[in-house]
């Protein structure tokens, strides 16, 4: 069976990977903000 990897699929896969990374960065930053702000709130 021949498997063809379309450039559009590759691009969407890269964007998905970046989306996951950005989501992790945002989540970690949000948690750090809560930890820093919570004691003063």
PDB file of N, CA and C in Angstrom:
ATOM      1  N   UNK A   1       0.852  -1.194   0.000  1.00  0.00           N
ATOM      2  CA  UNK A   1       0.000   0.000   0.000  1.00  0.00           C
ATOM      3  C   UNK A   1       0.889   1.246   0.000  1.00  0.00           C
ATOM      4  N   UNK A   2       0.593   2.152  -0.907  1.00  0.00           N
ATOM      5  CA  UNK A   2       1.417   3.350  -1.018  1.00  0.00           C
ATOM      6  C   UNK A   2       0.917   4.419  -0.049  1.00  0.00           C
ATOM      7  N   UNK A   3       1.847   5.005   0.650  1.00  0.00           N
ATOM      8  CA  UNK A   3       1.495   6.059   1.606  1.00  0.00           C
ATOM      9  C   UNK A   3       2.052   7.385   1.108  1.00  0.00           C
ATOM     10  N   UNK A   4       1.156   8.345   0.900  1.00  0.00           N
ATOM     11  CA  UNK A   4       1.595   9.657   0.436  1.00  0.00           C
ATOM     12  C   UNK A   4       1.375  10.684   1.541  1.00  0.00           C
ATOM     13  N   UNK A   5       2.415  11.437   1.801  1.00  0.00           N
ATOM     14  CA  UNK A   5       2.320  12.464   2.842  1.00  0.00           C
ATOM     15  C   UNK A   5       2.149  13.820   2.169  1.00  0.00           C
ATOM     16  N   UNK A   6       0.976  14.394   2.287  1.00  0.00           N
ATOM     17  CA  UNK A   6       0.687  15.650   1.612  1.00  0.00           C
ATOM     18  C   UNK A   6       1.306  16.821   2.374  1.00  0.00           C
ATOM     19  N   UNK A   7       1.840  17.792   1.660  1.00  0.00           N
ATOM     20  CA  UNK A   7       2.453  18.945   2.334  1.00  0.00           C
ATOM     21  C   UNK A   7       1.479  19.653   3.270  1.00  0.00           C
ATOM     22  N   UNK A   8       0.210  19.710   2.871  1.00  0.00           N
ATOM     23  CA  UNK A   8      -0.765  20.386   3.720  1.00  0.00           C
ATOM     24  C   UNK A   8      -0.918  19.652   5.042  1.00  0.00           C
ATOM     25  N   UNK A   9      -0.896  18.303   4.986  1.00  0.00           N
ATOM     26  CA  UNK A   9      -0.997  17.530   6.217  1.00  0.00           C
ATOM     27  C   UNK A   9       0.233  17.771   7.091  1.00  0.00           C
ATOM     28  N   UNK A  10       1.396  17.875   6.457  1.00  0.00           N
ATOM     29  CA  UNK A  10       2.622  18.118   7.216  1.00  0.00           C
ATOM     30  C   UNK A  10       2.538  19.476   7.909  1.00  0.00           C
ATOM     31  N   UNK A  11       2.046  20.474   7.187  1.00  0.00           N
ATOM     32  CA  UNK A  11       1.931  21.803   7.770  1.00  0.00           C
ATOM     33  C   UNK A  11       0.940  21.793   8.930  1.00  0.00           C
ATOM     34  N   UNK A  12      -0.190  21.119   8.756  1.00  0.00           N
ATOM     35  CA  UNK A  12      -1.179  21.073   9.826  1.00  0.00           C
ATOM     36  C   UNK A  12      -0.624  20.319  11.029  1.00  0.00           C
ATOM     37  N   UNK A  13       0.196  19.292  10.778  1.00  0.00           N
ATOM     38  CA  UNK A  13       0.809  18.553  11.884  1.00  0.00           C
ATOM     39  C   UNK A  13       1.769  19.464  12.644  1.00  0.00           C
ATOM     40  N   UNK A  14       2.526  20.282  11.900  1.00  0.00           N
ATOM     41  CA  UNK A  14       3.439  21.213  12.567  1.00  0.00           C
ATOM     42  C   UNK A  14       2.659  22.234  13.383  1.00  0.00           C
ATOM     43  N   UNK A  15       1.562  22.749  12.811  1.00  0.00           N
ATOM     44  CA  UNK A  15       0.761  23.713  13.553  1.00  0.00           C
ATOM     45  C   UNK A  15       0.153  23.072  14.790  1.00  0.00           C
ATOM     46  N   UNK A  16      -0.245  21.790  14.681  1.00  0.00           N
ATOM     47  CA  UNK A  16      -0.803  21.095  15.841  1.00  0.00           C
ATOM     48  C   UNK A  16       0.259  20.972  16.930  1.00  0.00           C
ATOM     49  N   UNK A  17       1.490  20.660  16.532  1.00  0.00           N
ATOM     50  CA  UNK A  17       2.570  20.538  17.517  1.00  0.00           C
ATOM     51  C   UNK A  17       2.822  21.884  18.192  1.00  0.00           C
ATOM     52  N   UNK A  18       2.836  22.960  17.397  1.00  0.00           N
ATOM     53  CA  UNK A  18       3.029  24.279  17.982  1.00  0.00           C
ATOM     54  C   UNK A  18       1.864  24.627  18.906  1.00  0.00           C
ATOM     55  N   UNK A  19       0.658  24.243  18.531  1.00  0.00           N
ATOM     56  CA  UNK A  19      -0.510  24.526  19.362  1.00  0.00           C
ATOM     57  C   UNK A  19      -0.404  23.833  20.710  1.00  0.00           C
ATOM     58  N   UNK A  20       0.055  22.578  20.699  1.00  0.00           N
ATOM     59  CA  UNK A  20       0.214  21.846  21.961  1.00  0.00           C
ATOM     60  C   UNK A  20       1.271  22.520  22.822  1.00  0.00           C
ATOM     61  N   UNK A  21       2.398  22.884  22.196  1.00  0.00           N
ATOM     62  CA  UNK A  21       3.472  23.533  22.958  1.00  0.00           C
ATOM     63  C   UNK A  21       2.991  24.854  23.555  1.00  0.00           C
ATOM     64  N   UNK A  22       2.292  25.655  22.747  1.00  0.00           N
ATOM     65  CA  UNK A  22       1.799  26.931  23.242  1.00  0.00           C
ATOM     66  C   UNK A  22       0.792  26.723  24.366  1.00  0.00           C
ATOM     67  N   UNK A  23      -0.061  25.704  24.246  1.00  0.00           N
ATOM     68  CA  UNK A  23      -1.045  25.432  25.292  1.00  0.00           C
ATOM     69  C   UNK A  23      -0.343  25.074  26.600  1.00  0.00           C
ATOM     70  N   UNK A  24       0.728  24.283  26.513  1.00  0.00           N
ATOM     71  CA  UNK A  24       1.476  23.918  27.721  1.00  0.00           C
ATOM     72  C   UNK A  24       2.116  25.161  28.334  1.00  0.00           C
ATOM     73  N   UNK A  25       2.706  26.007  27.494  1.00  0.00           N
ATOM     74  CA  UNK A  25       3.344  27.226  27.993  1.00  0.00           C
ATOM     75  C   UNK A  25       2.318  28.121  28.679  1.00  0.00           C
ATOM     76  N   UNK A  26       1.148  28.282  28.067  1.00  0.00           N
ATOM     77  CA  UNK A  26       0.099  29.120  28.647  1.00  0.00           C
ATOM     78  C   UNK A  26      -0.377  28.530  29.969  1.00  0.00           C
ATOM     79  N   UNK A  27      -0.567  27.202  30.009  1.00  0.00           N
ATOM     80  CA  UNK A  27      -1.044  26.556  31.233  1.00  0.00           C
ATOM     81  C   UNK A  27      -0.028  26.723  32.357  1.00  0.00           C
ATOM     82  N   UNK A  28       1.250  26.497  32.055  1.00  0.00           N
ATOM     83  CA  UNK A  28       2.291  26.637  33.084  1.00  0.00           C
ATOM     84  C   UNK A  28       2.366  28.083  33.566  1.00  0.00           C
ATOM     85  N   UNK A  29       2.310  29.024  32.641  1.00  0.00           N
ATOM     86  CA  UNK A  29       2.346  30.433  33.018  1.00  0.00           C
ATOM     87  C   UNK A  29       1.147  30.813  33.874  1.00  0.00           C
ATOM     88  N   UNK A  30      -0.029  30.278  33.537  1.00  0.00           N
ATOM     89  CA  UNK A  30      -1.240  30.571  34.301  1.00  0.00           C
ATOM     90  C   UNK A  30      -1.126  30.012  35.714  1.00  0.00           C
ATOM     91  N   UNK A  31      -0.610  28.783  35.836  1.00  0.00           N
ATOM     92  CA  UNK A  31      -0.444  28.167  37.156  1.00  0.00           C
ATOM     93  C   UNK A  31       0.572  28.959  37.980  1.00  0.00           C
ATOM     94  N   UNK A  32       1.679  29.348  37.357  1.00  0.00           N
ATOM     95  CA  UNK A  32       2.676  30.143  38.079  1.00  0.00           C
ATOM     96  C   UNK A  32       2.068  31.464  38.541  1.00  0.00           C
ATOM     97  N   UNK A  33       1.259  32.089  37.699  1.00  0.00           N
ATOM     98  CA  UNK A  33       0.614  33.343  38.079  1.00  0.00           C
ATOM     99  C   UNK A  33      -0.311  33.122  39.275  1.00  0.00           C
ATOM    100  N   UNK A  34      -1.074  32.037  39.268  1.00  0.00           N
ATOM    101  CA  UNK A  34      -1.956  31.746  40.399  1.00  0.00           C
ATOM    102  C   UNK A  34      -1.149  31.529  41.672  1.00  0.00           C
ATOM    103  N   UNK A  35      -0.055  30.786  41.565  1.00  0.00           N
ATOM    104  CA  UNK A  35       0.774  30.502  42.745  1.00  0.00           C
ATOM    105  C   UNK A  35       1.368  31.794  43.302  1.00  0.00           C
ATOM    106  N   UNK A  36       1.766  32.707  42.417  1.00  0.00           N
ATOM    107  CA  UNK A  36       2.378  33.952  42.868  1.00  0.00           C
ATOM    108  C   UNK A  36       1.339  34.925  43.416  1.00  0.00           C
ATOM    109  N   UNK A  37       0.136  34.928  42.836  1.00  0.00           N
ATOM    110  CA  UNK A  37      -0.875  35.915  43.220  1.00  0.00           C
ATOM    111  C   UNK A  37      -1.718  35.425  44.392  1.00  0.00           C
ATOM    112  N   UNK A  38      -1.959  34.122  44.480  1.00  0.00           N
ATOM    113  CA  UNK A  38      -2.865  33.574  45.491  1.00  0.00           C
ATOM    114  C   UNK A  38      -2.501  33.991  46.924  1.00  0.00           C
ATOM    115  N   UNK A  39      -1.239  33.935  47.351  1.00  0.00           N
ATOM    116  CA  UNK A  39      -0.930  34.302  48.741  1.00  0.00           C
ATOM    117  C   UNK A  39      -1.287  35.752  49.060  1.00  0.00           C
ATOM    118  N   UNK A  40      -1.255  36.627  48.046  1.00  0.00           N
ATOM    119  CA  UNK A  40      -1.553  38.038  48.279  1.00  0.00           C
ATOM    120  C   UNK A  40      -3.024  38.351  48.053  1.00  0.00           C
ATOM    121  N   UNK A  41      -3.751  37.426  47.425  1.00  0.00           N
ATOM    122  CA  UNK A  41      -5.161  37.636  47.149  1.00  0.00           C
ATOM    123  C   UNK A  41      -5.966  37.224  48.339  1.00  0.00           C
TER     124      UNK A  41
END
